[in-house]
């Protein structure tokens, strides 16, 4: 093997080792955050994840005639109010000139703000307003609020997607 080929292999190995080390540190930091959130607030996250009453779900036609289920932004706000009181906030940033908007939702746990965020572009339905609404809902979904809606295939809801079914699962989980 030529010396320059060996050097390339050595450089690749060193880069991979550095990348693996950076990834390991990143995962450790994420684990610390997860453990902190879990130890302090598991009941908060469980309350966020609780499905909404079935009569609050809204349906519309999506691409390919598929039915999509959704909730209004006010329902997400109500859930945050219900679980966190005044210990939540959100903020928006324009990310691109094409209209991508990022929203971050923070909750206060033990006097520390913890944030999760997501973004959305303009919608065909509501344009600029839609990008704010969608990015807010997606940031809430990062906390678990309404995330279950992504897994609903049709109006015949599985038991786990109802408040009663969720409550049964939590009873088994926590006793």
N, C-alpha and C. Protein backbone atom coordinates (compact mmCIF):
# COMPACT_ATOMS: atom_id res chain seq x y z
N UNK A 1 0.85 -1.17 0.00
CA UNK A 1 0.00 0.00 0.00
C UNK A 1 0.90 1.23 0.00
N UNK A 2 0.50 2.22 -0.80
CA UNK A 2 1.27 3.45 -0.88
C UNK A 2 1.12 4.25 0.41
N UNK A 3 2.13 5.04 0.70
CA UNK A 3 2.14 5.84 1.92
C UNK A 3 0.96 6.81 1.96
N UNK A 4 0.64 7.43 0.80
CA UNK A 4 -0.47 8.38 0.80
C UNK A 4 -1.82 7.67 1.00
N UNK A 5 -1.95 6.44 0.50
CA UNK A 5 -3.17 5.65 0.72
C UNK A 5 -3.31 5.31 2.20
N UNK A 6 -2.18 4.92 2.82
CA UNK A 6 -2.20 4.60 4.25
C UNK A 6 -2.55 5.84 5.07
N UNK A 7 -2.01 6.99 4.66
CA UNK A 7 -2.31 8.24 5.37
C UNK A 7 -3.80 8.56 5.27
N UNK A 8 -4.40 8.33 4.09
CA UNK A 8 -5.84 8.56 3.94
C UNK A 8 -6.64 7.64 4.87
N UNK A 9 -6.23 6.38 4.93
CA UNK A 9 -6.91 5.43 5.83
C UNK A 9 -6.76 5.87 7.29
N UNK A 10 -5.54 6.29 7.65
CA UNK A 10 -5.30 6.75 9.02
C UNK A 10 -6.14 8.00 9.33
N UNK A 11 -6.19 8.92 8.37
CA UNK A 11 -6.99 10.14 8.56
C UNK A 11 -8.47 9.79 8.72
N UNK A 12 -8.95 8.86 7.89
CA UNK A 12 -10.36 8.42 7.99
C UNK A 12 -10.63 7.80 9.35
N UNK A 13 -9.71 6.97 9.82
CA UNK A 13 -9.89 6.31 11.12
C UNK A 13 -9.89 7.34 12.24
N UNK A 14 -9.00 8.32 12.16
CA UNK A 14 -8.93 9.36 13.18
C UNK A 14 -10.21 10.19 13.17
N UNK A 15 -10.70 10.53 11.96
CA UNK A 15 -11.94 11.30 11.86
C UNK A 15 -13.11 10.50 12.43
N UNK A 16 -13.17 9.22 12.09
CA UNK A 16 -14.26 8.39 12.60
C UNK A 16 -14.19 8.28 14.12
N UNK A 17 -13.00 8.13 14.67
CA UNK A 17 -12.85 8.06 16.12
C UNK A 17 -13.30 9.37 16.77
N UNK A 18 -12.91 10.50 16.17
CA UNK A 18 -13.31 11.81 16.70
C UNK A 18 -14.83 11.96 16.61
N UNK A 19 -15.42 11.57 15.48
CA UNK A 19 -16.87 11.65 15.30
C UNK A 19 -17.59 10.78 16.32
N UNK A 20 -17.07 9.58 16.53
CA UNK A 20 -17.68 8.68 17.51
C UNK A 20 -17.60 9.26 18.92
N UNK A 21 -16.47 9.89 19.24
CA UNK A 21 -16.31 10.51 20.56
C UNK A 21 -17.27 11.69 20.72
N UNK A 22 -17.40 12.52 19.68
CA UNK A 22 -18.34 13.64 19.74
C UNK A 22 -19.77 13.12 19.89
N UNK A 23 -20.10 12.08 19.15
CA UNK A 23 -21.44 11.50 19.25
C UNK A 23 -21.68 10.94 20.65
N UNK A 24 -20.68 10.26 21.21
CA UNK A 24 -20.82 9.72 22.57
C UNK A 24 -21.09 10.83 23.57
N UNK A 25 -20.34 11.96 23.47
CA UNK A 25 -20.56 13.09 24.38
C UNK A 25 -21.96 13.67 24.19
N UNK A 26 -22.38 13.78 22.94
CA UNK A 26 -23.72 14.30 22.64
C UNK A 26 -24.79 13.40 23.28
N UNK A 27 -24.64 12.10 23.12
CA UNK A 27 -25.61 11.16 23.69
C UNK A 27 -25.61 11.23 25.21
N UNK A 28 -24.43 11.36 25.81
CA UNK A 28 -24.35 11.50 27.27
C UNK A 28 -25.11 12.75 27.73
N UNK A 29 -24.93 13.87 27.01
CA UNK A 29 -25.65 15.10 27.37
C UNK A 29 -27.15 14.90 27.22
N UNK A 30 -27.56 14.25 26.13
CA UNK A 30 -28.99 13.99 25.92
C UNK A 30 -29.52 13.09 27.03
N UNK A 31 -28.73 12.09 27.42
CA UNK A 31 -29.15 11.19 28.49
C UNK A 31 -29.32 11.95 29.80
N UNK A 32 -28.40 12.88 30.08
CA UNK A 32 -28.53 13.70 31.29
C UNK A 32 -29.84 14.48 31.27
N UNK A 33 -30.12 15.11 30.11
CA UNK A 33 -31.37 15.86 29.98
C UNK A 33 -32.57 14.95 30.17
N UNK A 34 -32.54 13.79 29.53
CA UNK A 34 -33.66 12.85 29.64
C UNK A 34 -33.84 12.39 31.09
N UNK A 35 -32.74 12.06 31.76
CA UNK A 35 -32.82 11.60 33.15
C UNK A 35 -33.34 12.71 34.04
N UNK A 36 -32.89 13.94 33.80
CA UNK A 36 -33.36 15.07 34.60
C UNK A 36 -34.86 15.26 34.40
N UNK A 37 -35.26 15.32 33.13
CA UNK A 37 -36.69 15.50 32.84
C UNK A 37 -37.49 14.35 33.43
N UNK A 38 -37.01 13.13 33.24
CA UNK A 38 -37.74 11.97 33.74
C UNK A 38 -37.85 11.99 35.26
N UNK A 39 -36.76 12.33 35.93
CA UNK A 39 -36.79 12.29 37.39
C UNK A 39 -37.68 13.38 37.97
N UNK A 40 -37.74 14.53 37.31
CA UNK A 40 -38.48 15.65 37.85
C UNK A 40 -39.92 15.68 37.35
N UNK A 41 -40.13 15.24 36.12
CA UNK A 41 -41.39 15.60 35.49
C UNK A 41 -42.11 14.49 34.75
N UNK A 42 -41.90 13.24 35.09
CA UNK A 42 -42.56 12.20 34.32
C UNK A 42 -44.06 12.38 34.32
N UNK A 43 -44.61 12.82 35.43
CA UNK A 43 -46.06 13.02 35.45
C UNK A 43 -46.46 14.15 34.50
N UNK A 44 -45.62 15.15 34.32
CA UNK A 44 -45.89 16.22 33.37
C UNK A 44 -45.94 15.66 31.95
N UNK A 45 -44.93 14.89 31.59
CA UNK A 45 -44.90 14.32 30.24
C UNK A 45 -46.07 13.38 30.00
N UNK A 46 -46.43 12.59 31.01
CA UNK A 46 -47.59 11.71 30.88
C UNK A 46 -48.87 12.52 30.66
N UNK A 47 -49.00 13.63 31.37
CA UNK A 47 -50.18 14.48 31.20
C UNK A 47 -50.19 15.12 29.82
N UNK A 48 -49.03 15.52 29.33
CA UNK A 48 -48.94 16.07 27.98
C UNK A 48 -49.40 15.05 26.95
N UNK A 49 -48.98 13.80 27.13
CA UNK A 49 -49.24 12.75 26.14
C UNK A 49 -50.67 12.23 26.14
N UNK A 50 -51.42 12.54 27.17
CA UNK A 50 -52.80 12.01 27.27
C UNK A 50 -53.61 12.44 26.05
N UNK A 51 -54.26 11.49 25.38
CA UNK A 51 -55.08 11.84 24.23
C UNK A 51 -56.20 12.82 24.60
N UNK A 52 -56.59 13.60 23.65
CA UNK A 52 -57.69 14.54 23.83
C UNK A 52 -59.01 13.81 23.69
N UNK A 53 -60.09 14.35 24.27
CA UNK A 53 -61.40 13.71 24.09
C UNK A 53 -61.71 13.55 22.60
N UNK A 54 -62.27 12.42 22.26
CA UNK A 54 -62.53 12.07 20.87
C UNK A 54 -63.38 13.13 20.17
N UNK A 55 -64.33 13.74 20.88
CA UNK A 55 -65.19 14.74 20.25
C UNK A 55 -64.46 16.05 19.94
N UNK A 56 -63.21 16.20 20.40
CA UNK A 56 -62.42 17.39 20.07
C UNK A 56 -61.58 17.21 18.80
N UNK A 57 -61.49 15.98 18.32
CA UNK A 57 -60.70 15.71 17.12
C UNK A 57 -61.42 16.26 15.90
N UNK A 58 -60.62 16.81 14.97
CA UNK A 58 -61.16 17.33 13.71
C UNK A 58 -60.54 16.54 12.58
N UNK A 59 -61.27 16.42 11.48
CA UNK A 59 -60.81 15.64 10.35
C UNK A 59 -60.88 16.49 9.08
N UNK A 60 -59.93 16.26 8.17
CA UNK A 60 -59.97 16.90 6.87
C UNK A 60 -59.32 15.97 5.84
N UNK A 61 -59.62 16.24 4.58
CA UNK A 61 -59.02 15.44 3.51
C UNK A 61 -57.58 15.89 3.30
N UNK A 62 -56.70 14.92 3.18
CA UNK A 62 -55.30 15.19 2.90
C UNK A 62 -54.96 14.75 1.50
N UNK A 63 -53.67 14.69 1.19
CA UNK A 63 -53.21 14.24 -0.11
C UNK A 63 -53.65 12.83 -0.42
N UNK A 64 -54.02 12.59 -1.64
CA UNK A 64 -54.44 11.25 -2.06
C UNK A 64 -55.77 10.83 -1.46
N UNK A 65 -56.58 11.79 -1.01
CA UNK A 65 -57.88 11.48 -0.44
C UNK A 65 -57.82 10.89 0.96
N UNK A 66 -56.63 10.85 1.53
CA UNK A 66 -56.45 10.31 2.88
C UNK A 66 -57.05 11.27 3.90
N UNK A 67 -57.70 10.73 4.92
CA UNK A 67 -58.24 11.57 5.97
C UNK A 67 -57.16 11.84 7.02
N UNK A 68 -57.06 13.10 7.43
CA UNK A 68 -56.09 13.51 8.44
C UNK A 68 -56.81 14.03 9.67
N UNK A 69 -56.30 13.66 10.81
CA UNK A 69 -56.88 14.11 12.08
C UNK A 69 -56.00 15.23 12.63
N UNK A 70 -56.65 16.22 13.26
CA UNK A 70 -55.89 17.32 13.83
C UNK A 70 -56.66 17.96 14.98
N UNK A 71 -55.97 18.84 15.68
CA UNK A 71 -56.54 19.63 16.77
C UNK A 71 -56.23 21.09 16.49
N UNK A 72 -56.97 21.97 17.07
CA UNK A 72 -56.68 23.39 16.91
C UNK A 72 -55.50 23.78 17.80
N UNK A 73 -54.84 24.87 17.45
CA UNK A 73 -53.73 25.37 18.27
C UNK A 73 -54.21 25.71 19.68
N UNK A 74 -55.46 26.16 19.80
CA UNK A 74 -56.00 26.51 21.11
C UNK A 74 -56.09 25.29 22.02
N UNK A 75 -56.33 24.12 21.44
CA UNK A 75 -56.37 22.90 22.26
C UNK A 75 -54.99 22.57 22.82
N UNK A 76 -53.96 22.80 22.02
CA UNK A 76 -52.59 22.60 22.50
C UNK A 76 -52.28 23.61 23.61
N UNK A 77 -52.69 24.86 23.43
CA UNK A 77 -52.48 25.88 24.44
C UNK A 77 -53.22 25.51 25.74
N UNK A 78 -54.44 25.03 25.57
CA UNK A 78 -55.22 24.62 26.75
C UNK A 78 -54.49 23.51 27.51
N UNK A 79 -53.93 22.54 26.79
CA UNK A 79 -53.20 21.44 27.46
C UNK A 79 -52.00 21.99 28.22
N UNK A 80 -51.26 22.90 27.60
CA UNK A 80 -50.12 23.51 28.29
C UNK A 80 -50.58 24.26 29.54
N UNK A 81 -51.68 25.01 29.42
CA UNK A 81 -52.22 25.73 30.59
C UNK A 81 -52.65 24.76 31.68
N UNK A 82 -53.33 23.70 31.27
CA UNK A 82 -53.87 22.71 32.20
C UNK A 82 -52.76 22.03 33.00
N UNK A 83 -51.67 21.69 32.32
CA UNK A 83 -50.59 20.94 32.96
C UNK A 83 -49.57 21.86 33.63
N UNK A 84 -49.24 22.99 32.99
CA UNK A 84 -48.15 23.83 33.47
C UNK A 84 -48.61 25.13 34.13
N UNK A 85 -49.88 25.45 34.03
CA UNK A 85 -50.32 26.75 34.54
C UNK A 85 -49.67 27.85 33.73
N UNK A 86 -48.95 28.74 34.38
CA UNK A 86 -48.26 29.82 33.67
C UNK A 86 -46.80 29.49 33.39
N UNK A 87 -46.36 28.30 33.71
CA UNK A 87 -44.96 27.92 33.55
C UNK A 87 -44.66 27.35 32.17
N UNK A 88 -45.14 28.02 31.15
CA UNK A 88 -44.78 27.67 29.77
C UNK A 88 -44.77 28.94 28.95
N UNK A 89 -44.02 28.90 27.85
CA UNK A 89 -43.98 30.02 26.93
C UNK A 89 -43.53 29.52 25.57
N UNK A 90 -43.76 30.37 24.57
CA UNK A 90 -43.29 30.01 23.23
C UNK A 90 -42.75 31.25 22.55
N UNK A 91 -41.94 31.02 21.55
CA UNK A 91 -41.38 32.10 20.75
C UNK A 91 -41.19 31.64 19.33
N UNK A 92 -41.16 32.58 18.39
CA UNK A 92 -41.06 32.26 16.96
C UNK A 92 -39.85 32.95 16.34
N UNK A 93 -39.29 32.30 15.33
CA UNK A 93 -38.23 32.88 14.52
C UNK A 93 -38.51 32.57 13.07
N UNK A 94 -38.29 33.55 12.19
CA UNK A 94 -38.34 33.28 10.75
C UNK A 94 -37.00 32.65 10.40
N UNK A 95 -37.05 31.49 9.81
CA UNK A 95 -35.82 30.76 9.52
C UNK A 95 -35.35 30.99 8.10
N UNK A 96 -36.29 31.10 7.16
CA UNK A 96 -35.92 31.30 5.76
C UNK A 96 -36.78 32.39 5.15
N UNK A 97 -36.32 32.95 4.06
CA UNK A 97 -37.10 33.96 3.34
C UNK A 97 -38.35 33.36 2.71
N UNK A 98 -38.34 32.06 2.49
CA UNK A 98 -39.49 31.41 1.86
C UNK A 98 -40.65 31.20 2.83
N UNK A 99 -40.47 31.56 4.08
CA UNK A 99 -41.59 31.49 5.01
C UNK A 99 -41.52 30.40 6.05
N UNK A 100 -40.41 29.68 6.12
CA UNK A 100 -40.29 28.66 7.17
C UNK A 100 -40.21 29.38 8.51
N UNK A 101 -41.05 28.96 9.42
CA UNK A 101 -41.10 29.55 10.75
C UNK A 101 -40.76 28.48 11.78
N UNK A 102 -39.93 28.84 12.74
CA UNK A 102 -39.59 27.93 13.83
C UNK A 102 -40.27 28.44 15.09
N UNK A 103 -40.81 27.50 15.85
CA UNK A 103 -41.41 27.83 17.14
C UNK A 103 -40.69 27.00 18.19
N UNK A 104 -40.45 27.61 19.33
CA UNK A 104 -39.92 26.84 20.44
C UNK A 104 -40.87 27.01 21.62
N UNK A 105 -41.11 25.90 22.29
CA UNK A 105 -42.00 25.87 23.44
C UNK A 105 -41.15 25.47 24.64
N UNK A 106 -41.20 26.30 25.66
CA UNK A 106 -40.45 26.04 26.87
C UNK A 106 -41.37 25.79 28.04
N UNK A 107 -40.96 24.87 28.89
CA UNK A 107 -41.68 24.64 30.15
C UNK A 107 -40.69 24.84 31.29
N UNK A 108 -41.20 25.33 32.39
CA UNK A 108 -40.35 25.63 33.53
C UNK A 108 -40.47 24.49 34.55
N UNK A 109 -39.33 23.87 34.82
CA UNK A 109 -39.26 22.78 35.80
C UNK A 109 -38.17 23.14 36.79
N UNK A 110 -38.52 23.19 38.05
CA UNK A 110 -37.55 23.55 39.10
C UNK A 110 -36.80 24.84 38.77
N UNK A 111 -37.54 25.85 38.37
CA UNK A 111 -36.99 27.16 38.03
C UNK A 111 -36.01 27.15 36.87
N UNK A 112 -36.06 26.12 36.04
CA UNK A 112 -35.20 26.05 34.86
C UNK A 112 -36.08 25.86 33.62
N UNK A 113 -35.83 26.66 32.60
CA UNK A 113 -36.58 26.54 31.35
C UNK A 113 -35.96 25.45 30.48
N UNK A 114 -36.80 24.56 30.00
CA UNK A 114 -36.38 23.50 29.10
C UNK A 114 -37.17 23.70 27.81
N UNK A 115 -36.48 23.67 26.68
CA UNK A 115 -37.08 24.03 25.40
C UNK A 115 -37.08 22.88 24.41
N UNK A 116 -38.11 22.86 23.58
CA UNK A 116 -38.16 21.98 22.41
C UNK A 116 -38.72 22.80 21.27
N UNK A 117 -38.28 22.52 20.07
CA UNK A 117 -38.70 23.36 18.95
C UNK A 117 -38.93 22.56 17.69
N UNK A 118 -39.63 23.19 16.74
CA UNK A 118 -39.85 22.62 15.43
C UNK A 118 -40.24 23.75 14.48
N UNK A 119 -40.29 23.44 13.21
CA UNK A 119 -40.62 24.46 12.22
C UNK A 119 -41.63 23.98 11.21
N UNK A 120 -42.17 24.93 10.47
CA UNK A 120 -43.14 24.61 9.41
C UNK A 120 -43.13 25.74 8.39
N UNK A 121 -43.45 25.40 7.17
CA UNK A 121 -43.55 26.39 6.10
C UNK A 121 -44.97 26.89 5.95
N UNK A 122 -45.16 27.79 5.01
CA UNK A 122 -46.49 28.30 4.74
C UNK A 122 -47.38 27.16 4.26
N UNK A 123 -48.65 27.25 4.59
CA UNK A 123 -49.58 26.21 4.17
C UNK A 123 -50.46 26.72 3.04
N UNK A 124 -51.04 25.79 2.29
CA UNK A 124 -51.98 26.17 1.24
C UNK A 124 -53.29 26.65 1.83
N UNK A 125 -53.55 26.27 3.07
CA UNK A 125 -54.83 26.58 3.69
C UNK A 125 -54.80 27.96 4.33
N UNK A 126 -53.74 28.27 5.09
CA UNK A 126 -53.73 29.52 5.85
C UNK A 126 -52.47 30.36 5.64
N UNK A 127 -51.63 30.06 4.68
CA UNK A 127 -50.45 30.87 4.39
C UNK A 127 -49.56 31.13 5.58
N UNK A 128 -49.26 32.42 5.81
CA UNK A 128 -48.36 32.81 6.90
C UNK A 128 -48.86 32.32 8.26
N UNK A 129 -50.15 32.53 8.53
CA UNK A 129 -50.71 32.09 9.82
C UNK A 129 -50.50 30.60 10.01
N UNK A 130 -50.65 29.85 8.93
CA UNK A 130 -50.47 28.40 9.01
C UNK A 130 -49.07 28.00 9.42
N UNK A 131 -48.06 28.76 8.99
CA UNK A 131 -46.68 28.40 9.37
C UNK A 131 -46.48 28.61 10.87
N UNK A 132 -47.11 29.64 11.44
CA UNK A 132 -47.01 29.86 12.89
C UNK A 132 -47.76 28.76 13.64
N UNK A 133 -48.97 28.49 13.20
CA UNK A 133 -49.80 27.47 13.86
C UNK A 133 -49.14 26.11 13.78
N UNK A 134 -48.71 25.72 12.58
CA UNK A 134 -48.10 24.39 12.40
C UNK A 134 -46.80 24.26 13.19
N UNK A 135 -45.96 25.30 13.19
CA UNK A 135 -44.71 25.19 13.94
C UNK A 135 -44.98 25.11 15.44
N UNK A 136 -46.01 25.82 15.92
CA UNK A 136 -46.38 25.72 17.33
C UNK A 136 -46.84 24.31 17.67
N UNK A 137 -47.74 23.76 16.85
CA UNK A 137 -48.24 22.41 17.12
C UNK A 137 -47.11 21.38 17.07
N UNK A 138 -46.19 21.56 16.13
CA UNK A 138 -45.06 20.62 16.02
C UNK A 138 -44.12 20.74 17.22
N UNK A 139 -43.91 21.95 17.71
CA UNK A 139 -43.08 22.12 18.91
C UNK A 139 -43.77 21.48 20.11
N UNK A 140 -45.09 21.62 20.19
CA UNK A 140 -45.85 20.96 21.27
C UNK A 140 -45.74 19.45 21.14
N UNK A 141 -45.77 18.96 19.90
CA UNK A 141 -45.63 17.53 19.67
C UNK A 141 -44.27 17.02 20.15
N UNK A 142 -43.26 17.87 20.07
CA UNK A 142 -41.94 17.48 20.58
C UNK A 142 -41.99 17.23 22.09
N UNK A 143 -42.97 17.83 22.77
CA UNK A 143 -43.19 17.56 24.20
C UNK A 143 -44.13 16.37 24.40
N UNK A 144 -44.71 15.86 23.32
CA UNK A 144 -45.63 14.72 23.42
C UNK A 144 -47.09 15.11 23.24
N UNK A 145 -47.40 16.40 23.23
CA UNK A 145 -48.79 16.84 23.10
C UNK A 145 -49.27 16.58 21.68
N UNK A 146 -50.30 15.77 21.56
CA UNK A 146 -50.88 15.48 20.25
C UNK A 146 -50.04 14.60 19.35
N UNK A 147 -48.89 14.12 19.82
CA UNK A 147 -48.01 13.32 18.96
C UNK A 147 -48.70 12.05 18.48
N UNK A 148 -49.58 11.51 19.30
CA UNK A 148 -50.27 10.28 18.93
C UNK A 148 -51.09 10.43 17.66
N UNK A 149 -51.47 11.65 17.31
CA UNK A 149 -52.30 11.88 16.13
C UNK A 149 -51.60 11.42 14.84
N UNK A 150 -50.27 11.46 14.83
CA UNK A 150 -49.51 11.03 13.65
C UNK A 150 -49.69 9.54 13.36
N UNK A 151 -50.15 8.78 14.35
CA UNK A 151 -50.24 7.33 14.20
C UNK A 151 -51.67 6.85 13.98
N UNK A 152 -52.61 7.76 13.91
CA UNK A 152 -54.00 7.39 13.69
C UNK A 152 -54.24 7.26 12.19
N UNK A 153 -54.76 6.12 11.78
CA UNK A 153 -54.94 5.83 10.35
C UNK A 153 -56.34 6.15 9.84
N UNK A 154 -57.33 6.05 10.70
CA UNK A 154 -58.70 6.34 10.27
C UNK A 154 -59.56 6.68 11.48
N UNK A 155 -60.82 6.94 11.23
CA UNK A 155 -61.72 7.39 12.31
C UNK A 155 -62.03 6.30 13.33
N UNK A 156 -61.70 5.08 13.01
CA UNK A 156 -61.90 3.98 13.96
C UNK A 156 -60.67 3.96 14.89
N UNK A 157 -60.76 4.73 15.96
CA UNK A 157 -59.60 4.93 16.83
C UNK A 157 -59.27 3.69 17.65
N UNK A 158 -57.99 3.36 17.74
CA UNK A 158 -57.58 2.29 18.65
C UNK A 158 -57.78 2.76 20.10
N UNK A 159 -57.90 1.83 21.01
CA UNK A 159 -58.17 2.19 22.41
C UNK A 159 -57.10 3.11 22.98
N UNK A 160 -55.83 2.88 22.63
CA UNK A 160 -54.75 3.70 23.18
C UNK A 160 -54.88 5.17 22.79
N UNK A 161 -55.65 5.48 21.74
CA UNK A 161 -55.80 6.86 21.25
C UNK A 161 -56.99 7.57 21.88
N UNK A 162 -57.55 6.98 22.93
CA UNK A 162 -58.65 7.61 23.66
C UNK A 162 -58.18 7.93 25.08
N UNK A 163 -58.75 8.95 25.70
CA UNK A 163 -58.35 9.25 27.09
C UNK A 163 -58.55 8.06 28.02
N UNK A 164 -59.64 7.32 27.83
CA UNK A 164 -59.92 6.18 28.71
C UNK A 164 -58.89 5.06 28.52
N UNK A 165 -58.55 4.78 27.27
CA UNK A 165 -57.54 3.75 26.99
C UNK A 165 -56.17 4.14 27.53
N UNK A 166 -55.83 5.41 27.39
CA UNK A 166 -54.56 5.91 27.91
C UNK A 166 -54.53 5.80 29.43
N UNK A 167 -55.64 6.16 30.07
CA UNK A 167 -55.71 6.07 31.53
C UNK A 167 -55.51 4.64 32.01
N UNK A 168 -56.06 3.66 31.27
CA UNK A 168 -55.87 2.25 31.63
C UNK A 168 -54.39 1.89 31.55
N UNK A 169 -53.72 2.35 30.49
CA UNK A 169 -52.28 2.06 30.33
C UNK A 169 -51.46 2.68 31.45
N UNK A 170 -51.81 3.90 31.84
CA UNK A 170 -51.07 4.57 32.93
C UNK A 170 -51.33 3.86 34.27
N UNK A 171 -52.53 3.37 34.44
CA UNK A 171 -52.84 2.63 35.68
C UNK A 171 -51.98 1.38 35.76
N UNK A 172 -51.82 0.68 34.64
CA UNK A 172 -50.95 -0.51 34.61
C UNK A 172 -49.50 -0.11 34.85
N UNK A 173 -49.09 0.99 34.26
CA UNK A 173 -47.70 1.44 34.35
C UNK A 173 -47.35 1.88 35.78
N UNK A 174 -48.22 2.65 36.41
CA UNK A 174 -47.90 3.22 37.70
C UNK A 174 -48.63 2.59 38.88
N UNK A 175 -49.64 1.79 38.55
CA UNK A 175 -50.35 1.08 39.61
C UNK A 175 -51.40 1.84 40.33
